[in-house]
Amino acid sequence: MKQDLQDKFKKLTKQEFFVFSVLYTLEEEIGQVTYRNIATRANLAESSVRDYISRLEYKGIPVVKERINNKVIL
């Protein structure tokens, strides 16, 4: 399983890996993270962050999204 996860991370683009690292860092710092938090830290548009997170999920990277009040996604 560890090797499988390493292989998945090796297939990420530099930008995808950057967004994942920002997500991971923010989660360690503040706990629950929104697209806006990531966008602000990474200096990207929220729509770009949503796209990168979707790509990470598609590539099998363990990202958990939670919807609050059917509006905010953590």
C-alpha atoms as a PDB file:
ATOM      1  CA  MET A   1       0.000   0.000   0.000  1.00  0.00           C
ATOM      2  CA  LYS A   2       2.828   2.395   0.846  1.00  0.00           C
ATOM      3  CA  GLN A   3       4.451   1.820  -2.552  1.00  0.00           C
ATOM      4  CA  ASP A   4       1.100   2.358  -4.285  1.00  0.00           C
ATOM      5  CA  LEU A   5       0.691   5.737  -2.589  1.00  0.00           C
ATOM      6  CA  GLN A   6       4.252   6.728  -3.462  1.00  0.00           C
ATOM      7  CA  ASP A   7       3.592   5.860  -7.108  1.00  0.00           C
ATOM      8  CA  LYS A   8       0.462   8.047  -7.087  1.00  0.00           C
ATOM      9  CA  PHE A   9       2.381  11.018  -5.701  1.00  0.00           C
ATOM     10  CA  LYS A  10       5.113  10.588  -8.322  1.00  0.00           C
ATOM     11  CA  LYS A  11       2.475  11.039 -11.046  1.00  0.00           C
ATOM     12  CA  LEU A  12       1.357  14.456  -9.780  1.00  0.00           C
ATOM     13  CA  THR A  13       2.307  17.626 -11.611  1.00  0.00           C
ATOM     14  CA  LYS A  14       4.368  20.185  -9.698  1.00  0.00           C
ATOM     15  CA  GLN A  15       1.298  22.384  -9.260  1.00  0.00           C
ATOM     16  CA  GLU A  16      -0.872  19.508  -8.013  1.00  0.00           C
ATOM     17  CA  PHE A  17       1.788  18.534  -5.508  1.00  0.00           C
ATOM     18  CA  PHE A  18       2.098  22.191  -4.429  1.00  0.00           C
ATOM     19  CA  VAL A  19      -1.658  22.434  -3.785  1.00  0.00           C
ATOM     20  CA  PHE A  20      -1.580  19.165  -1.839  1.00  0.00           C
ATOM     21  CA  SER A  21       1.335  20.388   0.282  1.00  0.00           C
ATOM     22  CA  VAL A  22      -0.484  23.677   0.993  1.00  0.00           C
ATOM     23  CA  LEU A  23      -3.597  21.698   1.963  1.00  0.00           C
ATOM     24  CA  TYR A  24      -1.591  19.425   4.248  1.00  0.00           C
ATOM     25  CA  THR A  25       0.284  22.328   5.871  1.00  0.00           C
ATOM     26  CA  LEU A  26      -2.873  24.339   6.484  1.00  0.00           C
ATOM     27  CA  GLU A  27      -4.627  21.326   7.963  1.00  0.00           C
ATOM     28  CA  GLU A  28      -1.750  20.905  10.415  1.00  0.00           C
ATOM     29  CA  GLU A  29      -1.894  24.621  11.310  1.00  0.00           C
ATOM     30  CA  ILE A  30      -5.620  25.387  11.519  1.00  0.00           C
ATOM     31  CA  GLY A  31      -7.499  22.095  11.276  1.00  0.00           C
ATOM     32  CA  GLN A  32     -10.415  22.376   8.879  1.00  0.00           C
ATOM     33  CA  VAL A  33      -9.414  23.964   5.575  1.00  0.00           C
ATOM     34  CA  THR A  34     -11.580  25.600   2.894  1.00  0.00           C
ATOM     35  CA  TYR A  35     -10.873  26.240  -0.765  1.00  0.00           C
ATOM     36  CA  ARG A  36     -10.512  29.907   0.153  1.00  0.00           C
ATOM     37  CA  ASN A  37      -7.803  29.122   2.734  1.00  0.00           C
ATOM     38  CA  ILE A  38      -5.833  27.154   0.159  1.00  0.00           C
ATOM     39  CA  ALA A  39      -6.357  29.764  -2.560  1.00  0.00           C
ATOM     40  CA  THR A  40      -5.155  32.568  -0.312  1.00  0.00           C
ATOM     41  CA  ARG A  41      -2.038  30.693   0.830  1.00  0.00           C
ATOM     42  CA  ALA A  42      -1.190  29.424  -2.669  1.00  0.00           C
ATOM     43  CA  ASN A  43      -2.052  32.719  -4.379  1.00  0.00           C
ATOM     44  CA  LEU A  44      -4.501  30.975  -6.714  1.00  0.00           C
ATOM     45  CA  ALA A  45      -8.150  31.453  -7.627  1.00  0.00           C
ATOM     46  CA  GLU A  46     -10.636  29.327  -5.681  1.00  0.00           C
ATOM     47  CA  SER A  47     -11.834  27.798  -8.945  1.00  0.00           C
ATOM     48  CA  SER A  48      -8.274  26.664  -9.698  1.00  0.00           C
ATOM     49  CA  VAL A  49      -7.989  25.126  -6.238  1.00  0.00           C
ATOM     50  CA  ARG A  50     -11.276  23.242  -6.759  1.00  0.00           C
ATOM     51  CA  ASP A  51      -9.923  21.925 -10.053  1.00  0.00           C
ATOM     52  CA  TYR A  52      -6.618  20.819  -8.516  1.00  0.00           C
ATOM     53  CA  ILE A  53      -8.395  19.101  -5.610  1.00  0.00           C
ATOM     54  CA  SER A  54     -10.640  17.263  -8.090  1.00  0.00           C
ATOM     55  CA  ARG A  55      -7.564  16.129 -10.014  1.00  0.00           C
ATOM     56  CA  LEU A  56      -5.948  14.898  -6.799  1.00  0.00           C
ATOM     57  CA  GLU A  57      -9.050  12.862  -5.985  1.00  0.00           C
ATOM     58  CA  TYR A  58      -9.178  11.464  -9.520  1.00  0.00           C
ATOM     59  CA  LYS A  59      -5.528  10.390  -9.249  1.00  0.00           C
ATOM     60  CA  GLY A  60      -6.259   8.537  -6.008  1.00  0.00           C
ATOM     61  CA  ILE A  61      -4.666  10.955  -3.551  1.00  0.00           C
ATOM     62  CA  PRO A  62      -6.412  10.664  -0.161  1.00  0.00           C
ATOM     63  CA  VAL A  63      -8.372  13.917   0.130  1.00  0.00           C
ATOM     64  CA  VAL A  64     -11.554  14.032   2.196  1.00  0.00           C
ATOM     65  CA  LYS A  65     -14.156  16.689   1.428  1.00  0.00           C
ATOM     66  CA  GLU A  66     -16.958  17.533   3.813  1.00  0.00           C
ATOM     67  CA  ARG A  67     -19.869  19.820   2.935  1.00  0.00           C
ATOM     68  CA  ILE A  68     -21.231  22.069   5.726  1.00  0.00           C
ATOM     69  CA  ASN A  69     -24.815  23.352   5.386  1.00  0.00           C
ATOM     70  CA  ASN A  70     -24.676  22.418   1.710  1.00  0.00           C
ATOM     71  CA  LYS A  71     -22.434  25.447   1.081  1.00  0.00           C
ATOM     72  CA  VAL A  72     -18.961  25.387   2.599  1.00  0.00           C
ATOM     73  CA  ILE A  73     -16.681  22.528   1.602  1.00  0.00           C
ATOM     74  CA  LEU A  74     -13.917  21.549   3.999  1.00  0.00           C
END
